[in-house]
């Protein structure tokens, strides 16, 4: 894994469909603040497993999105409850 691709390109790859995908070195849409391009570093059907592996790699800050071939919307990882408290 690793070459930089757009989110629509990633969505077309059968290997990622129906899985959570971790992207590093993202470029974000200036209007929506959603990742539109990045390098795939990992993917998994189980979000907890993916997050556990990403956490083990301490230096990495990834955007985690759900990849669905049938939906053009970007589904980001929901914010942590700590991020919602003031």
C-alpha atoms as a PDB file:
ATOM      1  CA  UNK A   1       0.000   0.000   0.000  1.00  0.00           C
ATOM      2  CA  UNK A   2       1.138   3.516  -0.306  1.00  0.00           C
ATOM      3  CA  UNK A   3       0.934   5.458  -3.594  1.00  0.00           C
ATOM      4  CA  UNK A   4      -1.064   8.690  -3.496  1.00  0.00           C
ATOM      5  CA  UNK A   5      -4.549   8.385  -5.018  1.00  0.00           C
ATOM      6  CA  UNK A   6      -7.792  10.330  -5.074  1.00  0.00           C
ATOM      7  CA  UNK A   7     -10.711   9.062  -2.977  1.00  0.00           C
ATOM      8  CA  UNK A   8     -12.765   8.174  -6.116  1.00  0.00           C
ATOM      9  CA  UNK A   9      -9.814   6.092  -7.381  1.00  0.00           C
ATOM     10  CA  UNK A  10      -9.524   4.316  -4.030  1.00  0.00           C
ATOM     11  CA  UNK A  11     -13.273   3.621  -3.960  1.00  0.00           C
ATOM     12  CA  UNK A  12     -13.010   1.779  -7.294  1.00  0.00           C
ATOM     13  CA  UNK A  13     -10.444  -0.702  -5.934  1.00  0.00           C
ATOM     14  CA  UNK A  14     -12.334  -3.870  -5.059  1.00  0.00           C
ATOM     15  CA  UNK A  15      -9.941  -4.729  -2.224  1.00  0.00           C
ATOM     16  CA  UNK A  16     -11.118  -1.667  -0.225  1.00  0.00           C
ATOM     17  CA  UNK A  17     -14.866  -1.860  -0.863  1.00  0.00           C
ATOM     18  CA  UNK A  18     -16.835  -2.492   2.316  1.00  0.00           C
ATOM     19  CA  UNK A  19     -13.780  -1.767   4.465  1.00  0.00           C
ATOM     20  CA  UNK A  20     -12.471   1.069   6.619  1.00  0.00           C
ATOM     21  CA  UNK A  21      -9.469   2.679   4.911  1.00  0.00           C
ATOM     22  CA  UNK A  22      -6.695   4.655   6.646  1.00  0.00           C
ATOM     23  CA  UNK A  23      -5.204   7.459   4.566  1.00  0.00           C
ATOM     24  CA  UNK A  24      -1.996   9.317   5.344  1.00  0.00           C
ATOM     25  CA  UNK A  25      -0.577  12.478   3.733  1.00  0.00           C
ATOM     26  CA  UNK A  26      -4.087  13.647   2.861  1.00  0.00           C
ATOM     27  CA  UNK A  27      -5.165  16.593   0.792  1.00  0.00           C
ATOM     28  CA  UNK A  28      -8.444  18.051   2.044  1.00  0.00           C
ATOM     29  CA  UNK A  29     -11.307  19.787   0.252  1.00  0.00           C
ATOM     30  CA  UNK A  30     -11.253  23.443   1.322  1.00  0.00           C
ATOM     31  CA  UNK A  31     -15.066  23.685   1.445  1.00  0.00           C
ATOM     32  CA  UNK A  32     -15.914  20.445   3.268  1.00  0.00           C
ATOM     33  CA  UNK A  33     -12.628  19.708   5.080  1.00  0.00           C
ATOM     34  CA  UNK A  34     -13.005  16.086   3.923  1.00  0.00           C
ATOM     35  CA  UNK A  35     -10.013  14.123   2.591  1.00  0.00           C
ATOM     36  CA  UNK A  36     -10.046  13.954  -1.201  1.00  0.00           C
ATOM     37  CA  UNK A  37      -6.644  12.362  -1.777  1.00  0.00           C
ATOM     38  CA  UNK A  38      -4.057  10.438   0.181  1.00  0.00           C
ATOM     39  CA  UNK A  39      -1.890   7.365   0.530  1.00  0.00           C
ATOM     40  CA  UNK A  40      -3.592   4.200   1.743  1.00  0.00           C
ATOM     41  CA  UNK A  41      -1.634   2.822   4.694  1.00  0.00           C
ATOM     42  CA  UNK A  42      -4.040   0.140   5.925  1.00  0.00           C
ATOM     43  CA  UNK A  43      -7.606  -1.150   5.676  1.00  0.00           C
ATOM     44  CA  UNK A  44      -9.863  -3.537   7.569  1.00  0.00           C
ATOM     45  CA  UNK A  45     -13.510  -4.601   7.821  1.00  0.00           C
ATOM     46  CA  UNK A  46     -13.222  -4.149  11.593  1.00  0.00           C
ATOM     47  CA  UNK A  47     -12.809  -0.498  12.573  1.00  0.00           C
ATOM     48  CA  UNK A  48     -11.462  -1.371  16.032  1.00  0.00           C
ATOM     49  CA  UNK A  49      -8.755  -3.624  14.556  1.00  0.00           C
ATOM     50  CA  UNK A  50      -7.719  -0.928  12.092  1.00  0.00           C
ATOM     51  CA  UNK A  51      -7.565   1.733  14.803  1.00  0.00           C
ATOM     52  CA  UNK A  52      -5.528  -0.586  17.020  1.00  0.00           C
ATOM     53  CA  UNK A  53      -2.928  -1.107  14.289  1.00  0.00           C
ATOM     54  CA  UNK A  54      -2.799   2.618  13.487  1.00  0.00           C
ATOM     55  CA  UNK A  55      -2.381   3.447  17.187  1.00  0.00           C
ATOM     56  CA  UNK A  56       0.576   1.028  17.424  1.00  0.00           C
ATOM     57  CA  UNK A  57       2.279   3.076  14.725  1.00  0.00           C
ATOM     58  CA  UNK A  58       2.538   6.146  16.997  1.00  0.00           C
ATOM     59  CA  UNK A  59       3.909   8.636  14.488  1.00  0.00           C
ATOM     60  CA  UNK A  60       1.002   8.305  12.079  1.00  0.00           C
ATOM     61  CA  UNK A  61      -1.993  10.640  11.902  1.00  0.00           C
ATOM     62  CA  UNK A  62      -4.502   9.163   9.485  1.00  0.00           C
ATOM     63  CA  UNK A  63      -7.909   9.992   8.132  1.00  0.00           C
ATOM     64  CA  UNK A  64     -10.098   6.884   8.391  1.00  0.00           C
ATOM     65  CA  UNK A  65     -12.947   6.555   5.893  1.00  0.00           C
ATOM     66  CA  UNK A  66     -15.451   3.850   5.027  1.00  0.00           C
ATOM     67  CA  UNK A  67     -15.158   2.750   1.416  1.00  0.00           C
ATOM     68  CA  UNK A  68     -18.442   1.993  -0.316  1.00  0.00           C
ATOM     69  CA  UNK A  69     -18.604   1.560  -4.077  1.00  0.00           C
ATOM     70  CA  UNK A  70     -22.268   2.578  -4.106  1.00  0.00           C
ATOM     71  CA  UNK A  71     -22.021   5.891  -2.289  1.00  0.00           C
ATOM     72  CA  UNK A  72     -20.183   9.012  -3.470  1.00  0.00           C
ATOM     73  CA  UNK A  73     -20.241  10.582  -0.008  1.00  0.00           C
ATOM     74  CA  UNK A  74     -17.178  10.358   2.188  1.00  0.00           C
ATOM     75  CA  UNK A  75     -17.901   8.628   5.494  1.00  0.00           C
ATOM     76  CA  UNK A  76     -15.247   9.754   7.984  1.00  0.00           C
ATOM     77  CA  UNK A  77     -14.528   8.169  11.319  1.00  0.00           C
ATOM     78  CA  UNK A  78     -16.863   9.748  13.898  1.00  0.00           C
ATOM     79  CA  UNK A  79     -15.169  12.113  16.378  1.00  0.00           C
ATOM     80  CA  UNK A  80     -14.143  10.672  19.699  1.00  0.00           C
ATOM     81  CA  UNK A  81     -16.368  11.514  22.675  1.00  0.00           C
ATOM     82  CA  UNK A  82     -13.451  13.430  24.211  1.00  0.00           C
ATOM     83  CA  UNK A  83     -13.371  15.743  21.183  1.00  0.00           C
ATOM     84  CA  UNK A  84     -17.020  16.607  21.772  1.00  0.00           C
ATOM     85  CA  UNK A  85     -16.598  17.699  25.386  1.00  0.00           C
ATOM     86  CA  UNK A  86     -15.484  21.222  26.202  1.00  0.00           C
END
